[in-house]
Amino acid sequence: LLAEGEHVVALSIGALHAEALHAFESLPGKLSVETGDICDPVCLRRVFADHPIARVLHTAAITAGPDADPSRATRVIDVNVAGTNALLL
């Protein structure tokens, strides 16, 4: 999207990697980075209120492989399922 000159709003729970930001700088689009949690409906409302968002590409996900810590199962479900639900509300 950035390569096509679009304005992209990225919501991330933490800072984006410096290498990614550097690569994005050379593209013609504009990147706005918001820090927040996909599971936080207040955060989502703020981001949608602050930016003219017309389309959403939801890529927030936690992948859990065979070595995943079972104590993080609730967080995996929260991000992958409840986060999607919060985004749709």
PDB file of N, CA and C in Angstrom:
ATOM      1  N   LEU A   1       0.819  -1.197   0.000  1.00  0.00           N
ATOM      2  CA  LEU A   1       0.000   0.000   0.000  1.00  0.00           C
ATOM      3  C   LEU A   1       0.861   1.259   0.000  1.00  0.00           C
ATOM      4  N   LEU A   2       1.913   1.253   0.796  1.00  0.00           N
ATOM      5  CA  LEU A   2       2.815   2.396   0.810  1.00  0.00           C
ATOM      6  C   LEU A   2       3.483   2.581  -0.556  1.00  0.00           C
ATOM      7  N   ALA A   3       3.814   1.478  -1.205  1.00  0.00           N
ATOM      8  CA  ALA A   3       4.435   1.544  -2.532  1.00  0.00           C
ATOM      9  C   ALA A   3       3.485   2.144  -3.563  1.00  0.00           C
ATOM     10  N   GLU A   4       2.195   2.029  -3.314  1.00  0.00           N
ATOM     11  CA  GLU A   4       1.190   2.592  -4.222  1.00  0.00           C
ATOM     12  C   GLU A   4       0.806   4.030  -3.851  1.00  0.00           C
ATOM     13  N   GLY A   5       1.479   4.599  -2.856  1.00  0.00           N
ATOM     14  CA  GLY A   5       1.228   5.979  -2.468  1.00  0.00           C
ATOM     15  C   GLY A   5       0.092   6.161  -1.474  1.00  0.00           C
ATOM     16  N   GLU A   6      -0.382   5.090  -0.882  1.00  0.00           N
ATOM     17  CA  GLU A   6      -1.481   5.163   0.085  1.00  0.00           C
ATOM     18  C   GLU A   6      -0.996   5.694   1.427  1.00  0.00           C
ATOM     19  N   HIS A   7      -1.937   6.243   2.196  1.00  0.00           N
ATOM     20  CA  HIS A   7      -1.681   6.610   3.594  1.00  0.00           C
ATOM     21  C   HIS A   7      -2.060   5.393   4.427  1.00  0.00           C
ATOM     22  N   VAL A   8      -1.104   4.847   5.140  1.00  0.00           N
ATOM     23  CA  VAL A   8      -1.291   3.632   5.929  1.00  0.00           C
ATOM     24  C   VAL A   8      -1.174   3.976   7.410  1.00  0.00           C
ATOM     25  N   VAL A   9      -2.114   3.473   8.194  1.00  0.00           N
ATOM     26  CA  VAL A   9      -2.060   3.616   9.639  1.00  0.00           C
ATOM     27  C   VAL A   9      -1.741   2.238  10.215  1.00  0.00           C
ATOM     28  N   ALA A  10      -0.621   2.143  10.900  1.00  0.00           N
ATOM     29  CA  ALA A  10      -0.217   0.884  11.523  1.00  0.00           C
ATOM     30  C   ALA A  10      -0.485   0.973  13.020  1.00  0.00           C
ATOM     31  N   LEU A  11      -1.208  -0.005  13.538  1.00  0.00           N
ATOM     32  CA  LEU A  11      -1.432  -0.109  14.983  1.00  0.00           C
ATOM     33  C   LEU A  11      -0.552  -1.236  15.493  1.00  0.00           C
ATOM     34  N   SER A  12       0.308  -0.907  16.429  1.00  0.00           N
ATOM     35  CA  SER A  12       1.243  -1.892  16.952  1.00  0.00           C
ATOM     36  C   SER A  12       1.309  -1.773  18.462  1.00  0.00           C
ATOM     37  N   ILE A  13       1.439  -2.905  19.123  1.00  0.00           N
ATOM     38  CA  ILE A  13       1.521  -2.900  20.579  1.00  0.00           C
ATOM     39  C   ILE A  13       2.877  -2.355  21.052  1.00  0.00           C
ATOM     40  N   GLY A  14       3.849  -2.380  20.172  1.00  0.00           N
ATOM     41  CA  GLY A  14       5.171  -1.841  20.484  1.00  0.00           C
ATOM     42  C   GLY A  14       5.729  -1.112  19.280  1.00  0.00           C
ATOM     43  N   ALA A  15       6.922  -0.613  19.417  1.00  0.00           N
ATOM     44  CA  ALA A  15       7.556   0.120  18.326  1.00  0.00           C
ATOM     45  C   ALA A  15       7.793  -0.802  17.134  1.00  0.00           C
ATOM     46  N   LEU A  16       7.661  -0.245  15.946  1.00  0.00           N
ATOM     47  CA  LEU A  16       7.997  -0.999  14.743  1.00  0.00           C
ATOM     48  C   LEU A  16       9.518  -1.106  14.647  1.00  0.00           C
ATOM     49  N   HIS A  17       9.990  -2.181  14.031  1.00  0.00           N
ATOM     50  CA  HIS A  17      11.430  -2.382  13.890  1.00  0.00           C
ATOM     51  C   HIS A  17      12.045  -1.258  13.063  1.00  0.00           C
ATOM     52  N   ALA A  18      13.211  -0.810  13.471  1.00  0.00           N
ATOM     53  CA  ALA A  18      13.898   0.282  12.788  1.00  0.00           C
ATOM     54  C   ALA A  18      14.149  -0.043  11.317  1.00  0.00           C
ATOM     55  N   GLU A  19      14.473  -1.310  11.024  1.00  0.00           N
ATOM     56  CA  GLU A  19      14.730  -1.706   9.640  1.00  0.00           C
ATOM     57  C   GLU A  19      13.484  -1.534   8.780  1.00  0.00           C
ATOM     58  N   ALA A  20      12.334  -1.879   9.339  1.00  0.00           N
ATOM     59  CA  ALA A  20      11.076  -1.731   8.603  1.00  0.00           C
ATOM     60  C   ALA A  20      10.773  -0.262   8.380  1.00  0.00           C
ATOM     61  N   LEU A  21      10.917   0.556   9.414  1.00  0.00           N
ATOM     62  CA  LEU A  21      10.667   1.983   9.274  1.00  0.00           C
ATOM     63  C   LEU A  21      11.575   2.608   8.227  1.00  0.00           C
ATOM     64  N   HIS A  22      12.826   2.195   8.219  1.00  0.00           N
ATOM     65  CA  HIS A  22      13.775   2.708   7.235  1.00  0.00           C
ATOM     66  C   HIS A  22      13.337   2.327   5.817  1.00  0.00           C
ATOM     67  N   ALA A  23      12.909   1.095   5.634  1.00  0.00           N
ATOM     68  CA  ALA A  23      12.447   0.651   4.311  1.00  0.00           C
ATOM     69  C   ALA A  23      11.193   1.404   3.892  1.00  0.00           C
ATOM     70  N   PHE A  24      10.291   1.654   4.821  1.00  0.00           N
ATOM     71  CA  PHE A  24       9.043   2.355   4.513  1.00  0.00           C
ATOM     72  C   PHE A  24       9.296   3.810   4.109  1.00  0.00           C
ATOM     73  N   GLU A  25      10.349   4.428   4.648  1.00  0.00           N
ATOM     74  CA  GLU A  25      10.650   5.831   4.358  1.00  0.00           C
ATOM     75  C   GLU A  25      10.895   6.087   2.879  1.00  0.00           C
ATOM     76  N   SER A  26      11.399   5.088   2.167  1.00  0.00           N
ATOM     77  CA  SER A  26      11.725   5.277   0.748  1.00  0.00           C
ATOM     78  C   SER A  26      10.501   5.117  -0.159  1.00  0.00           C
ATOM     79  N   LEU A  27       9.373   4.737   0.398  1.00  0.00           N
ATOM     80  CA  LEU A  27       8.167   4.517  -0.399  1.00  0.00           C
ATOM     81  C   LEU A  27       7.356   5.805  -0.492  1.00  0.00           C
ATOM     82  N   PRO A  28       6.578   5.967  -1.552  1.00  0.00           N
ATOM     83  CA  PRO A  28       5.863   7.225  -1.755  1.00  0.00           C
ATOM     84  C   PRO A  28       4.669   7.470  -0.829  1.00  0.00           C
ATOM     85  N   GLY A  29       4.155   6.438  -0.190  1.00  0.00           N
ATOM     86  CA  GLY A  29       3.008   6.605   0.703  1.00  0.00           C
ATOM     87  C   GLY A  29       3.404   7.215   2.033  1.00  0.00           C
ATOM     88  N   LYS A  30       2.404   7.490   2.844  1.00  0.00           N
ATOM     89  CA  LYS A  30       2.622   8.063   4.181  1.00  0.00           C
ATOM     90  C   LYS A  30       2.271   7.000   5.218  1.00  0.00           C
ATOM     91  N   LEU A  31       3.126   6.846   6.214  1.00  0.00           N
ATOM     92  CA  LEU A  31       2.894   5.891   7.292  1.00  0.00           C
ATOM     93  C   LEU A  31       2.669   6.636   8.594  1.00  0.00           C
ATOM     94  N   SER A  32       1.547   6.358   9.241  1.00  0.00           N
ATOM     95  CA  SER A  32       1.271   6.847  10.589  1.00  0.00           C
ATOM     96  C   SER A  32       1.274   5.632  11.506  1.00  0.00           C
ATOM     97  N   VAL A  33       2.054   5.684  12.570  1.00  0.00           N
ATOM     98  CA  VAL A  33       2.155   4.563  13.503  1.00  0.00           C
ATOM     99  C   VAL A  33       1.450   4.941  14.799  1.00  0.00           C
ATOM    100  N   GLU A  34       0.523   4.123  15.205  1.00  0.00           N
ATOM    101  CA  GLU A  34      -0.197   4.283  16.475  1.00  0.00           C
ATOM    102  C   GLU A  34       0.201   3.121  17.381  1.00  0.00           C
ATOM    103  N   THR A  35       0.423   3.414  18.633  1.00  0.00           N
ATOM    104  CA  THR A  35       0.749   2.377  19.607  1.00  0.00           C
ATOM    105  C   THR A  35      -0.502   2.027  20.388  1.00  0.00           C
ATOM    106  N   GLY A  36      -0.821   0.744  20.428  1.00  0.00           N
ATOM    107  CA  GLY A  36      -1.996   0.303  21.166  1.00  0.00           C
ATOM    108  C   GLY A  36      -2.241  -1.175  20.968  1.00  0.00           C
ATOM    109  N   ASP A  37      -3.267  -1.657  21.611  1.00  0.00           N
ATOM    110  CA  ASP A  37      -3.605  -3.079  21.625  1.00  0.00           C
ATOM    111  C   ASP A  37      -4.881  -3.306  20.814  1.00  0.00           C
ATOM    112  N   ILE A  38      -4.842  -4.225  19.870  1.00  0.00           N
ATOM    113  CA  ILE A  38      -5.993  -4.563  19.036  1.00  0.00           C
ATOM    114  C   ILE A  38      -7.186  -5.009  19.882  1.00  0.00           C
ATOM    115  N   CYS A  39      -6.939  -5.456  21.090  1.00  0.00           N
ATOM    116  CA  CYS A  39      -8.008  -5.929  21.972  1.00  0.00           C
ATOM    117  C   CYS A  39      -8.652  -4.803  22.778  1.00  0.00           C
ATOM    118  N   ASP A  40      -8.151  -3.596  22.639  1.00  0.00           N
ATOM    119  CA  ASP A  40      -8.631  -2.462  23.420  1.00  0.00           C
ATOM    120  C   ASP A  40      -9.599  -1.627  22.581  1.00  0.00           C
ATOM    121  N   PRO A  41     -10.912  -1.766  22.808  1.00  0.00           N
ATOM    122  CA  PRO A  41     -11.880  -1.039  21.982  1.00  0.00           C
ATOM    123  C   PRO A  41     -11.760   0.475  22.100  1.00  0.00           C
ATOM    124  N   VAL A  42     -11.335   0.987  23.240  1.00  0.00           N
ATOM    125  CA  VAL A  42     -11.142   2.430  23.405  1.00  0.00           C
ATOM    126  C   VAL A  42     -10.009   2.905  22.482  1.00  0.00           C
ATOM    127  N   CYS A  43      -8.940   2.155  22.438  1.00  0.00           N
ATOM    128  CA  CYS A  43      -7.820   2.461  21.559  1.00  0.00           C
ATOM    129  C   CYS A  43      -8.265   2.435  20.101  1.00  0.00           C
ATOM    130  N   LEU A  44      -9.008   1.411  19.719  1.00  0.00           N
ATOM    131  CA  LEU A  44      -9.476   1.303  18.338  1.00  0.00           C
ATOM    132  C   LEU A  44     -10.368   2.479  17.951  1.00  0.00           C
ATOM    133  N   ARG A  45     -11.274   2.867  18.835  1.00  0.00           N
ATOM    134  CA  ARG A  45     -12.142   4.014  18.553  1.00  0.00           C
ATOM    135  C   ARG A  45     -11.323   5.287  18.358  1.00  0.00           C
ATOM    136  N   ARG A  46     -10.291   5.465  19.182  1.00  0.00           N
ATOM    137  CA  ARG A  46      -9.433   6.644  19.076  1.00  0.00           C
ATOM    138  C   ARG A  46      -8.711   6.662  17.726  1.00  0.00           C
ATOM    139  N   VAL A  47      -8.153   5.510  17.332  1.00  0.00           N
ATOM    140  CA  VAL A  47      -7.424   5.448  16.061  1.00  0.00           C
ATOM    141  C   VAL A  47      -8.363   5.744  14.891  1.00  0.00           C
ATOM    142  N   PHE A  48      -9.559   5.162  14.918  1.00  0.00           N
ATOM    143  CA  PHE A  48     -10.509   5.412  13.835  1.00  0.00           C
ATOM    144  C   PHE A  48     -10.998   6.858  13.838  1.00  0.00           C
ATOM    145  N   ALA A  49     -11.088   7.468  15.001  1.00  0.00           N
ATOM    146  CA  ALA A  49     -11.507   8.871  15.080  1.00  0.00           C
ATOM    147  C   ALA A  49     -10.400   9.810  14.601  1.00  0.00           C
ATOM    148  N   ASP A  50      -9.148   9.432  14.813  1.00  0.00           N
ATOM    149  CA  ASP A  50      -8.014  10.294  14.476  1.00  0.00           C
ATOM    150  C   ASP A  50      -7.574  10.204  13.013  1.00  0.00           C
ATOM    151  N   HIS A  51      -8.009   9.161  12.303  1.00  0.00           N
ATOM    152  CA  HIS A  51      -7.551   8.937  10.931  1.00  0.00           C
ATOM    153  C   HIS A  51      -8.744   8.628  10.021  1.00  0.00           C
ATOM    154  N   PRO A  52      -8.708   9.108   8.792  1.00  0.00           N
ATOM    155  CA  PRO A  52      -9.782   8.782   7.840  1.00  0.00           C
ATOM    156  C   PRO A  52      -9.559   7.387   7.237  1.00  0.00           C
ATOM    157  N   ILE A  53      -9.924   6.368   7.974  1.00  0.00           N
ATOM    158  CA  ILE A  53      -9.670   4.983   7.558  1.00  0.00           C
ATOM    159  C   ILE A  53     -10.837   4.484   6.709  1.00  0.00           C
ATOM    160  N   ALA A  54     -10.512   4.026   5.503  1.00  0.00           N
ATOM    161  CA  ALA A  54     -11.540   3.529   4.584  1.00  0.00           C
ATOM    162  C   ALA A  54     -11.505   2.010   4.455  1.00  0.00           C
ATOM    163  N   ARG A  55     -10.324   1.415   4.670  1.00  0.00           N
ATOM    164  CA  ARG A  55     -10.156  -0.040   4.548  1.00  0.00           C
ATOM    165  C   ARG A  55      -9.263  -0.532   5.680  1.00  0.00           C
ATOM    166  N   VAL A  56      -9.440  -1.796   6.039  1.00  0.00           N
ATOM    167  CA  VAL A  56      -8.644  -2.374   7.122  1.00  0.00           C
ATOM    168  C   VAL A  56      -8.008  -3.675   6.643  1.00  0.00           C
ATOM    169  N   LEU A  57      -6.730  -3.797   6.902  1.00  0.00           N
ATOM    170  CA  LEU A  57      -6.001  -5.042   6.691  1.00  0.00           C
ATOM    171  C   LEU A  57      -5.539  -5.479   8.072  1.00  0.00           C
ATOM    172  N   HIS A  58      -6.231  -6.462   8.625  1.00  0.00           N
ATOM    173  CA  HIS A  58      -5.967  -6.907  10.000  1.00  0.00           C
ATOM    174  C   HIS A  58      -4.885  -7.979   9.978  1.00  0.00           C
ATOM    175  N   THR A  59      -3.728  -7.637  10.510  1.00  0.00           N
ATOM    176  CA  THR A  59      -2.626  -8.599  10.536  1.00  0.00           C
ATOM    177  C   THR A  59      -2.134  -8.898  11.942  1.00  0.00           C
ATOM    178  N   ALA A  60      -2.854  -8.427  12.953  1.00  0.00           N
ATOM    179  CA  ALA A  60      -2.467  -8.733  14.334  1.00  0.00           C
ATOM    180  C   ALA A  60      -2.735 -10.214  14.589  1.00  0.00           C
ATOM    181  N   ALA A  61      -1.713 -10.913  14.978  1.00  0.00           N
ATOM    182  CA  ALA A  61      -1.860 -12.348  15.241  1.00  0.00           C
ATOM    183  C   ALA A  61      -0.695 -12.839  16.086  1.00  0.00           C
ATOM    184  N   ILE A  62      -0.966 -13.839  16.856  1.00  0.00           N
ATOM    185  CA  ILE A  62       0.080 -14.562  17.577  1.00  0.00           C
ATOM    186  C   ILE A  62       0.006 -15.998  17.090  1.00  0.00           C
ATOM    187  N   THR A  63       1.102 -16.488  16.583  1.00  0.00           N
ATOM    188  CA  THR A  63       1.133 -17.882  16.144  1.00  0.00           C
ATOM    189  C   THR A  63       1.713 -18.727  17.273  1.00  0.00           C
ATOM    190  N   ALA A  64       1.066 -19.818  17.522  1.00  0.00           N
ATOM    191  CA  ALA A  64       1.488 -20.705  18.608  1.00  0.00           C
ATOM    192  C   ALA A  64       1.878 -22.058  18.022  1.00  0.00           C
ATOM    193  N   GLY A  65       3.141 -22.363  18.097  1.00  0.00           N
ATOM    194  CA  GLY A  65       3.640 -23.641  17.603  1.00  0.00           C
ATOM    195  C   GLY A  65       3.692 -24.666  18.723  1.00  0.00           C
ATOM    196  N   PRO A  66       4.272 -25.804  18.442  1.00  0.00           N
ATOM    197  CA  PRO A  66       4.331 -26.881  19.429  1.00  0.00           C
ATOM    198  C   PRO A  66       5.128 -26.540  20.680  1.00  0.00           C
ATOM    199  N   ASP A  67       6.020 -25.574  20.588  1.00  0.00           N
ATOM    200  CA  ASP A  67       6.837 -25.184  21.745  1.00  0.00           C
ATOM    201  C   ASP A  67       6.252 -23.990  22.492  1.00  0.00           C
ATOM    202  N   ALA A  68       5.043 -23.575  22.135  1.00  0.00           N
ATOM    203  CA  ALA A  68       4.430 -22.402  22.757  1.00  0.00           C
ATOM    204  C   ALA A  68       4.144 -22.648  24.232  1.00  0.00           C
ATOM    205  N   ASP A  69       4.260 -21.587  24.990  1.00  0.00           N
ATOM    206  CA  ASP A  69       3.977 -21.627  26.422  1.00  0.00           C
ATOM    207  C   ASP A  69       2.458 -21.726  26.621  1.00  0.00           C
ATOM    208  N   PRO A  70       1.965 -22.818  27.209  1.00  0.00           N
ATOM    209  CA  PRO A  70       0.520 -22.989  27.391  1.00  0.00           C
ATOM    210  C   PRO A  70      -0.122 -21.887  28.239  1.00  0.00           C
ATOM    211  N   SER A  71       0.649 -21.228  29.077  1.00  0.00           N
ATOM    212  CA  SER A  71       0.077 -20.175  29.914  1.00  0.00           C
ATOM    213  C   SER A  71      -0.287 -18.933  29.086  1.00  0.00           C
ATOM    214  N   ARG A  72       0.169 -18.863  27.843  1.00  0.00           N
ATOM    215  CA  ARG A  72      -0.144 -17.730  26.973  1.00  0.00           C
ATOM    216  C   ARG A  72      -1.331 -18.010  26.051  1.00  0.00           C
ATOM    217  N   ALA A  73      -1.989 -19.132  26.248  1.00  0.00           N
ATOM    218  CA  ALA A  73      -3.105 -19.504  25.373  1.00  0.00           C
ATOM    219  C   ALA A  73      -4.215 -18.462  25.381  1.00  0.00           C
ATOM    220  N   THR A  74      -4.517 -17.898  26.522  1.00  0.00           N
ATOM    221  CA  THR A  74      -5.576 -16.887  26.604  1.00  0.00           C
ATOM    222  C   THR A  74      -5.195 -15.654  25.805  1.00  0.00           C
ATOM    223  N   ARG A  75      -3.938 -15.236  25.862  1.00  0.00           N
ATOM    224  CA  ARG A  75      -3.502 -14.065  25.091  1.00  0.00           C
ATOM    225  C   ARG A  75      -3.585 -14.349  23.592  1.00  0.00           C
ATOM    226  N   VAL A  76      -3.237 -15.547  23.184  1.00  0.00           N
ATOM    227  CA  VAL A  76      -3.341 -15.929  21.769  1.00  0.00           C
ATOM    228  C   VAL A  76      -4.789 -15.803  21.296  1.00  0.00           C
ATOM    229  N   ILE A  77      -5.717 -16.322  22.075  1.00  0.00           N
ATOM    230  CA  ILE A  77      -7.138 -16.241  21.723  1.00  0.00           C
ATOM    231  C   ILE A  77      -7.608 -14.788  21.748  1.00  0.00           C
ATOM    232  N   ASP A  78      -7.154 -14.021  22.745  1.00  0.00           N
ATOM    233  CA  ASP A  78      -7.541 -12.612  22.834  1.00  0.00           C
ATOM    234  C   ASP A  78      -7.139 -11.849  21.571  1.00  0.00           C
ATOM    235  N   VAL A  79      -5.897 -11.987  21.158  1.00  0.00           N
ATOM    236  CA  VAL A  79      -5.414 -11.249  19.994  1.00  0.00           C
ATOM    237  C   VAL A  79      -6.053 -11.763  18.715  1.00  0.00           C
ATOM    238  N   ASN A  80      -6.057 -13.069  18.536  1.00  0.00           N
ATOM    239  CA  ASN A  80      -6.493 -13.643  17.266  1.00  0.00           C
ATOM    240  C   ASN A  80      -8.014 -13.631  17.078  1.00  0.00           C
ATOM    241  N   VAL A  81      -8.767 -13.762  18.149  1.00  0.00           N
ATOM    242  CA  VAL A  81     -10.217 -13.831  18.029  1.00  0.00           C
ATOM    243  C   VAL A  81     -10.887 -12.572  18.589  1.00  0.00           C
ATOM    244  N   ALA A  82     -10.614 -12.257  19.841  1.00  0.00           N
ATOM    245  CA  ALA A  82     -11.258 -11.087  20.458  1.00  0.00           C
ATOM    246  C   ALA A  82     -10.779  -9.797  19.798  1.00  0.00           C
ATOM    247  N   GLY A  83      -9.523  -9.758  19.346  1.00  0.00           N
ATOM    248  CA  GLY A  83      -9.029  -8.580  18.630  1.00  0.00           C
ATOM    249  C   GLY A  83      -9.781  -8.346  17.340  1.00  0.00           C
ATOM    250  N   THR A  84     -10.054  -9.415  16.632  1.00  0.00           N
ATOM    251  CA  THR A  84     -10.856  -9.314  15.396  1.00  0.00           C
ATOM    252  C   THR A  84     -12.254  -8.825  15.723  1.00  0.00           C
ATOM    253  N   ASN A  85     -12.836  -9.356  16.767  1.00  0.00           N
ATOM    254  CA  ASN A  85     -14.165  -8.947  17.179  1.00  0.00           C
ATOM    255  C   ASN A  85     -14.189  -7.458  17.554  1.00  0.00           C
ATOM    256  N   ALA A  86     -13.199  -7.006  18.324  1.00  0.00           N
ATOM    257  CA  ALA A  86     -13.130  -5.605  18.720  1.00  0.00           C
ATOM    258  C   ALA A  86     -12.996  -4.696  17.495  1.00  0.00           C
ATOM    259  N   LEU A  87     -12.254  -5.142  16.515  1.00  0.00           N
ATOM    260  CA  LEU A  87     -12.073  -4.363  15.288  1.00  0.00           C
ATOM    261  C   LEU A  87     -13.369  -4.234  14.511  1.00  0.00           C
ATOM    262  N   LEU A  88     -14.175  -5.255  14.545  1.00  0.00           N
ATOM    263  CA  LEU A  88     -15.435  -5.248  13.783  1.00  0.00           C
ATOM    264  C   LEU A  88     -16.553  -4.456  14.447  1.00  0.00           C
ATOM    265  N   LEU A  89     -16.431  -4.185  15.740  1.00  0.00           N
ATOM    266  CA  LEU A  89     -17.488  -3.475  16.457  1.00  0.00           C
ATOM    267  C   LEU A  89     -17.552  -2.028  16.133  1.00  0.00           C
TER     268      LEU A  89
END
